[in-house]
Amino acid sequence: MRALYFIAMPKTAQRRDSNGTGHEASTAAGLLDQLATQEGTHPTPVPGVRLTRRSGLQPRHQAIYEPLIIFIGQGRKHVYLGEEVLRYDSDHYLALSVPVPVECEVIQASAAEPLLALSIVVDSAMLAEILVSLDEPLHADGAVPRGIYANKTPPPLRSAVIRLLETLRDPSDSRILGKQIVREIVYRVLQDEPGGALRALATRNDQFMRIARVIQQIHANYAQPLSIDDMARKAGMSVSAFHHNFKAVTTTSPLQYLKNIRLHRARLMMVHAGHNASSAATAVGYESPSQFGREFKRMFGASPTEEADAIRERLAAGIFEARDKWVPEMMPA
């Protein structure tokens, strides 16, 4: 399953242009302010659609971003990919076609002007169905696109998001119209995206899909010994070609990606699966608890116990963040 995220336009937006985007910005923020009344992320009547409200800043932290689109309006957010910074604002969105480890930061949000978001889960079958309707081939080769990109938000996409928000105000509208508007949003994104990240997923670009299968294997078998030779063999590539293509898609090396997945999984195991730091380390494939503790603190800025306690405090306060959600084990590729 793939996810799409949209973050509302600021209700205080004053900008106006020939496309009326300033008016649409304030409308989106107002609708989301009415709908996203609870702190954190929560489901809506439309299957796969969620609303998020954040009333404070969030310092730079590690996260695994799902395949999604993020559209930021009120407030501001950055994603860090090594030395590169992807900035979101009211005119640009972020899209991902595979899970990517990132550092992210909410740098503008408050109780008076909270960060508001709409997220949509989409599967590759929907992407492929839309491309079939466009008479595009479902098998394509060519350059391997990066699995994450930022792009300017066009007015038709913005308008579709607003119409989905309007349907969420009425249960009958949500039930009858919600899925159709979600499909339109996915269509708009496919038509707009540069580099073809989501399109590569839908068309099963050969090189891209080889990397995607290895990523699925890592998520399913992270506790097992996985060398770069093993992963290259799974992808049917030489080690050098695999390393190059993997980094092109995910922006990180295969072994660093594996370590990120292990540490993120251990973080959740301590809260949702009854593990302490030592047993979580073993469960995700670490032989040395002390090495696990050092690498965990280097990544999250806190010890395993401190981080687990912080998650429990948020959950007890009714604040449900996407990065704290327990995700079932993936099936092997």
Protein backbone atom coordinates (compact mmCIF):
# COMPACT_ATOMS: atom_id res chain seq x y z
CA MET A 1 0.00 0.00 0.00
CA ARG A 2 1.20 3.54 -0.78
CA ALA A 3 0.47 6.70 1.12
CA LEU A 4 -0.23 10.25 0.11
CA TYR A 5 -0.07 13.18 2.55
CA PHE A 6 -1.47 16.68 2.06
CA ILE A 7 -0.88 19.47 4.55
CA ALA A 8 -3.31 22.35 4.57
CA MET A 9 -2.85 25.78 3.11
CA PRO A 10 -2.58 28.52 5.75
CA LYS A 11 -5.83 30.13 6.77
CA THR A 12 -3.92 33.41 7.08
CA ALA A 13 -2.74 33.30 3.46
CA GLN A 14 -3.32 36.66 1.83
CA ARG A 15 -1.75 36.01 -1.59
CA ARG A 16 -4.03 36.17 -4.63
CA ASP A 17 -3.23 35.42 -8.26
CA SER A 18 -5.04 34.76 -11.53
CA ASN A 19 -5.68 31.14 -10.50
CA GLY A 20 -7.23 32.10 -7.17
CA THR A 21 -4.75 29.97 -5.21
CA GLY A 22 -4.77 32.38 -2.26
CA HIS A 23 -8.52 31.83 -1.79
CA GLU A 24 -8.10 28.06 -2.10
CA ALA A 25 -5.29 28.18 0.45
CA SER A 26 -7.46 29.82 3.08
CA THR A 27 -10.36 27.47 2.25
CA ALA A 28 -8.21 24.36 2.73
CA ALA A 29 -6.91 25.59 6.06
CA GLY A 30 -10.38 26.47 7.30
CA LEU A 31 -11.79 23.09 6.31
CA LEU A 32 -8.94 21.21 7.92
CA ASP A 33 -9.18 23.29 11.07
CA GLN A 34 -12.81 22.18 11.36
CA LEU A 35 -12.09 18.53 10.54
CA ALA A 36 -8.75 17.84 12.27
CA THR A 37 -9.83 18.64 15.80
CA GLN A 38 -7.59 16.15 17.61
CA GLU A 39 -3.84 16.39 18.07
CA GLY A 40 -1.97 13.74 16.10
CA THR A 41 -3.12 11.58 13.19
CA HIS A 42 -6.59 10.00 13.00
CA PRO A 43 -8.73 8.15 10.40
CA THR A 44 -11.70 9.60 8.51
CA PRO A 45 -14.88 8.02 7.06
CA VAL A 46 -13.08 7.59 3.71
CA PRO A 47 -10.97 4.38 3.86
CA GLY A 48 -7.26 5.15 3.76
CA VAL A 49 -7.73 8.86 4.40
CA ARG A 50 -6.38 10.38 7.63
CA LEU A 51 -6.22 13.83 9.21
CA THR A 52 -3.34 15.27 11.22
CA ARG A 53 -3.04 18.24 13.56
CA ARG A 54 0.24 19.40 15.14
CA SER A 55 0.21 22.39 17.49
CA GLY A 56 3.94 22.80 18.11
CA LEU A 57 7.40 22.66 16.64
CA GLN A 58 9.13 19.33 16.11
CA PRO A 59 12.93 19.34 16.26
CA ARG A 60 15.05 17.61 13.63
CA HIS A 61 14.60 13.86 14.06
CA GLN A 62 14.94 10.54 12.26
CA ALA A 63 11.94 9.00 10.51
CA ILE A 64 11.03 6.47 7.86
CA TYR A 65 8.79 8.19 5.34
CA GLU A 66 6.26 5.91 3.67
CA PRO A 67 5.40 6.23 -0.02
CA LEU A 68 3.35 9.43 0.19
CA ILE A 69 2.84 12.99 -0.92
CA ILE A 70 3.18 15.83 1.59
CA PHE A 71 1.60 19.18 0.85
CA ILE A 72 2.51 21.84 3.41
CA GLY A 73 0.67 25.08 3.84
CA GLN A 74 0.36 26.48 7.34
CA GLY A 75 3.72 26.16 9.00
CA ARG A 76 6.88 24.86 7.45
CA LYS A 77 8.72 21.57 7.29
CA HIS A 78 12.12 20.41 6.05
CA VAL A 79 13.44 16.99 5.06
CA TYR A 80 17.18 16.41 5.16
CA LEU A 81 18.86 13.95 2.79
CA GLY A 82 22.52 14.13 3.75
CA GLU A 83 23.62 17.60 2.66
CA GLU A 84 20.47 18.22 0.62
CA VAL A 85 17.42 19.93 2.10
CA LEU A 86 13.93 19.52 0.62
CA ARG A 87 11.73 22.38 1.77
CA TYR A 88 7.97 22.29 1.84
CA ASP A 89 5.87 25.38 1.72
CA SER A 90 2.42 26.42 0.55
CA ASP A 91 3.46 26.16 -3.10
CA HIS A 92 5.33 22.84 -3.12
CA TYR A 93 4.67 19.21 -2.21
CA LEU A 94 6.91 16.22 -1.50
CA ALA A 95 6.32 12.76 -2.99
CA LEU A 96 7.82 9.34 -2.24
CA SER A 97 7.33 6.05 -4.06
CA VAL A 98 9.32 3.79 -1.68
CA PRO A 99 10.01 3.96 2.08
CA VAL A 100 12.94 6.36 2.60
CA PRO A 101 14.86 7.03 5.86
CA VAL A 102 15.10 10.80 6.36
CA GLU A 103 15.67 13.46 8.95
CA CYS A 104 12.73 15.84 9.17
CA GLU A 105 11.84 18.95 11.12
CA VAL A 106 8.72 21.02 11.70
CA ILE A 107 10.08 24.55 11.91
CA GLN A 108 6.82 26.52 12.07
CA ALA A 109 3.71 25.39 13.97
CA SER A 110 1.90 26.67 17.04
CA ALA A 111 -1.36 26.34 18.94
CA ALA A 112 -2.67 29.44 17.15
CA GLU A 113 -1.58 28.22 13.69
CA PRO A 114 -1.17 24.44 13.85
CA LEU A 115 0.17 22.20 11.14
CA LEU A 116 -2.83 20.48 9.51
CA ALA A 117 -2.64 17.49 7.19
CA LEU A 118 -4.66 15.17 4.98
CA SER A 119 -3.12 11.79 4.15
CA ILE A 120 -4.26 9.33 1.51
CA VAL A 121 -3.14 5.72 1.22
CA VAL A 122 -2.89 4.52 -2.40
CA ASP A 123 -1.84 1.14 -3.80
CA SER A 124 0.11 0.43 -6.98
CA ALA A 125 -3.00 -1.18 -8.53
CA MET A 126 -4.76 2.21 -8.52
CA LEU A 127 -1.71 3.84 -10.11
CA ALA A 128 -1.60 1.15 -12.81
CA GLU A 129 -5.35 1.42 -13.46
CA ILE A 130 -5.03 5.16 -14.10
CA LEU A 131 -2.09 4.65 -16.48
CA VAL A 132 -4.09 2.01 -18.39
CA SER A 133 -6.88 4.56 -18.81
CA LEU A 134 -4.26 6.95 -20.19
CA ASP A 135 -3.12 4.26 -22.67
CA GLU A 136 0.35 4.18 -21.17
CA PRO A 137 2.36 0.92 -21.08
CA LEU A 138 2.61 -0.95 -17.79
CA HIS A 139 6.16 -2.12 -18.42
CA ALA A 140 8.81 0.52 -18.89
CA ASP A 141 12.57 0.79 -18.67
CA GLY A 142 14.83 3.81 -18.71
CA ALA A 143 16.60 5.78 -16.00
CA VAL A 144 16.00 4.82 -12.38
CA PRO A 145 14.08 7.69 -10.73
CA ARG A 146 14.82 8.81 -7.21
CA GLY A 147 12.12 7.65 -4.82
CA ILE A 148 11.62 11.10 -3.29
CA TYR A 149 11.14 14.52 -4.89
CA ALA A 150 9.68 17.97 -4.32
CA ASN A 151 7.59 19.84 -6.87
CA LYS A 152 5.38 22.90 -7.24
CA THR A 153 1.71 22.26 -6.47
CA PRO A 154 -0.51 22.97 -9.50
CA PRO A 155 -3.97 24.55 -9.04
CA PRO A 156 -5.93 21.44 -10.27
CA LEU A 157 -4.29 19.28 -7.57
CA ARG A 158 -4.96 21.90 -4.91
CA SER A 159 -8.61 22.12 -5.97
CA ALA A 160 -9.06 18.33 -5.81
CA VAL A 161 -7.71 18.25 -2.26
CA ILE A 162 -10.17 20.98 -1.24
CA ARG A 163 -13.08 19.03 -2.73
CA LEU A 164 -12.06 15.92 -0.78
CA LEU A 165 -11.99 18.00 2.42
CA GLU A 166 -15.48 19.29 1.63
CA THR A 167 -16.82 15.75 1.26
CA LEU A 168 -15.40 14.81 4.66
CA ARG A 169 -17.84 17.18 6.34
CA ASP A 170 -20.75 14.87 5.43
CA PRO A 171 -20.77 11.09 6.00
CA SER A 172 -22.90 10.43 2.90
CA ASP A 173 -20.66 12.58 0.70
CA SER A 174 -17.62 10.81 2.12
CA ARG A 175 -19.07 7.38 1.40
CA ILE A 176 -20.27 8.15 -2.15
CA LEU A 177 -17.76 10.70 -3.44
CA GLY A 178 -14.63 10.20 -1.37
CA LYS A 179 -13.05 7.36 -3.33
CA GLN A 180 -13.66 9.09 -6.67
CA ILE A 181 -11.90 12.25 -5.52
CA VAL A 182 -8.99 10.23 -4.11
CA ARG A 183 -8.60 8.68 -7.56
CA GLU A 184 -8.59 12.13 -9.14
CA ILE A 185 -5.88 13.29 -6.72
CA VAL A 186 -3.70 10.30 -7.64
CA TYR A 187 -4.29 11.06 -11.33
CA ARG A 188 -3.26 14.70 -10.84
CA VAL A 189 -0.08 13.64 -9.07
CA LEU A 190 0.83 11.13 -11.80
CA GLN A 191 0.30 13.79 -14.47
CA ASP A 192 2.37 16.34 -12.60
CA GLU A 193 5.34 14.49 -11.13
CA PRO A 194 8.88 15.13 -12.37
CA GLY A 195 11.25 12.17 -12.64
CA GLY A 196 8.41 9.64 -12.66
CA ALA A 197 8.86 8.08 -9.19
CA LEU A 198 5.23 6.97 -8.76
CA ARG A 199 4.96 6.24 -12.47
CA ALA A 200 7.97 3.89 -12.20
CA LEU A 201 6.17 2.01 -9.44
CA ALA A 202 3.00 1.67 -11.51
CA THR A 203 4.75 0.81 -14.80
CA ARG A 204 7.13 -1.62 -13.08
CA ASN A 205 10.30 -0.01 -14.39
CA ASP A 206 12.75 -2.93 -14.41
CA GLN A 207 15.66 -1.37 -12.52
CA PHE A 208 13.38 0.49 -10.12
CA MET A 209 11.33 -2.62 -9.33
CA ARG A 210 14.47 -4.66 -8.63
CA ILE A 211 15.43 -2.12 -5.99
CA ALA A 212 11.83 -2.01 -4.69
CA ARG A 213 11.87 -5.80 -4.22
CA VAL A 214 15.09 -5.60 -2.19
CA ILE A 215 13.57 -2.85 -0.06
CA GLN A 216 10.60 -5.14 0.61
CA GLN A 217 12.99 -7.94 1.55
CA ILE A 218 14.82 -5.65 3.99
CA HIS A 219 11.55 -4.69 5.70
CA ALA A 220 10.47 -8.35 5.90
CA ASN A 221 13.83 -9.86 6.94
CA TYR A 222 15.66 -7.07 8.76
CA ALA A 223 16.55 -9.38 11.67
CA GLN A 224 18.40 -11.79 9.38
CA PRO A 225 22.03 -11.37 8.29
CA LEU A 226 21.85 -9.43 5.00
CA SER A 227 25.10 -8.57 3.24
CA ILE A 228 25.37 -6.28 0.26
CA ASP A 229 26.27 -9.36 -1.80
CA ASP A 230 23.00 -11.01 -0.72
CA MET A 231 21.00 -7.92 -1.66
CA ALA A 232 22.76 -7.47 -5.01
CA ARG A 233 22.06 -11.11 -5.84
CA LYS A 234 18.38 -10.63 -4.95
CA ALA A 235 18.28 -7.65 -7.34
CA GLY A 236 20.09 -9.55 -10.09
CA MET A 237 22.78 -6.87 -10.31
CA SER A 238 26.50 -6.59 -9.77
CA VAL A 239 27.45 -5.17 -6.38
CA SER A 240 28.57 -1.86 -7.90
CA ALA A 241 25.43 -1.49 -10.05
CA PHE A 242 23.19 -2.43 -7.13
CA HIS A 243 24.87 0.06 -4.78
CA HIS A 244 24.54 2.83 -7.39
CA ASN A 245 20.88 2.12 -8.19
CA PHE A 246 19.87 1.61 -4.55
CA LYS A 247 21.33 4.97 -3.57
CA ALA A 248 19.74 6.61 -6.60
CA VAL A 249 16.28 5.46 -5.42
CA THR A 250 16.60 5.81 -1.63
CA THR A 251 19.38 8.45 -1.29
CA THR A 252 21.24 6.18 1.14
CA SER A 253 23.47 3.11 0.95
CA PRO A 254 21.99 -0.41 1.31
CA LEU A 255 23.72 -1.16 4.63
CA GLN A 256 22.81 2.23 6.13
CA TYR A 257 19.21 1.65 5.02
CA LEU A 258 19.19 -1.75 6.75
CA LYS A 259 20.58 -0.23 9.96
CA ASN A 260 17.93 2.51 9.90
CA ILE A 261 15.13 -0.03 9.52
CA ARG A 262 16.49 -2.16 12.38
CA LEU A 263 16.75 0.79 14.77
CA HIS A 264 13.31 2.17 13.88
CA ARG A 265 11.77 -1.27 14.33
CA ALA A 266 13.46 -1.74 17.71
CA ARG A 267 12.17 1.68 18.81
CA LEU A 268 8.59 0.53 18.23
CA MET A 269 9.11 -2.96 19.65
CA MET A 270 9.96 -1.48 23.06
CA VAL A 271 6.58 0.28 23.17
CA HIS A 272 4.22 -2.00 21.26
CA ALA A 273 5.68 -5.52 21.62
CA GLY A 274 6.82 -5.69 25.24
CA HIS A 275 10.59 -5.62 24.61
CA ASN A 276 13.28 -3.98 26.70
CA ALA A 277 16.39 -2.51 25.05
CA SER A 278 18.36 -5.75 25.19
CA SER A 279 15.64 -8.01 23.80
CA ALA A 280 14.73 -5.46 21.12
CA ALA A 281 18.37 -5.36 20.01
CA THR A 282 18.39 -9.14 19.61
CA ALA A 283 15.00 -9.17 17.90
CA VAL A 284 16.18 -6.83 15.13
CA GLY A 285 19.46 -8.62 14.49
CA TYR A 286 22.06 -7.00 16.77
CA GLU A 287 24.53 -9.36 18.43
CA SER A 288 25.89 -6.68 20.77
CA PRO A 289 23.44 -4.75 23.00
CA SER A 290 26.11 -2.13 23.69
CA GLN A 291 26.62 -1.50 19.96
CA PHE A 292 22.84 -1.27 19.59
CA GLY A 293 22.67 1.29 22.41
CA ARG A 294 25.40 3.45 20.87
CA GLU A 295 23.90 3.41 17.39
CA PHE A 296 20.39 4.00 18.74
CA LYS A 297 21.47 7.09 20.69
CA ARG A 298 23.46 8.38 17.72
CA MET A 299 20.36 8.16 15.52
CA PHE A 300 17.59 9.29 17.89
CA GLY A 301 19.53 11.51 20.31
CA ALA A 302 18.28 9.54 23.34
CA SER A 303 18.86 6.16 24.91
CA PRO A 304 16.45 3.32 23.99
CA THR A 305 14.73 3.60 27.37
CA GLU A 306 14.39 7.39 27.15
CA GLU A 307 12.96 7.22 23.64
CA ALA A 308 10.47 4.48 24.57
CA ASP A 309 9.30 6.52 27.57
CA ALA A 310 8.79 9.59 25.34
CA ILE A 311 6.63 7.58 22.93
CA ARG A 312 4.54 6.20 25.79
CA GLU A 313 3.97 9.72 27.13
CA ARG A 314 2.72 10.91 23.73
CA LEU A 315 0.39 7.93 23.37
CA ALA A 316 -0.94 8.37 26.91
CA ALA A 317 -1.72 12.01 26.06
CA GLY A 318 -3.67 10.88 23.00
CA ILE A 319 -1.07 12.20 20.55
CA PHE A 320 -0.71 9.65 17.76
CA GLU A 321 2.19 10.37 15.40
CA ALA A 322 2.83 8.38 12.25
CA ARG A 323 6.38 7.55 13.37
CA ASP A 324 5.06 6.02 16.61
CA LYS A 325 2.52 3.74 14.91
CA TRP A 326 3.07 -0.01 15.07
CA VAL A 327 3.22 -1.47 11.56
CA PRO A 328 2.70 -5.25 11.09
CA GLU A 329 5.57 -7.28 9.68
CA MET A 330 5.79 -7.23 5.90
CA MET A 331 5.65 -10.46 3.94
CA PRO A 332 8.87 -11.50 2.20
CA ALA A 333 9.19 -10.44 -1.42
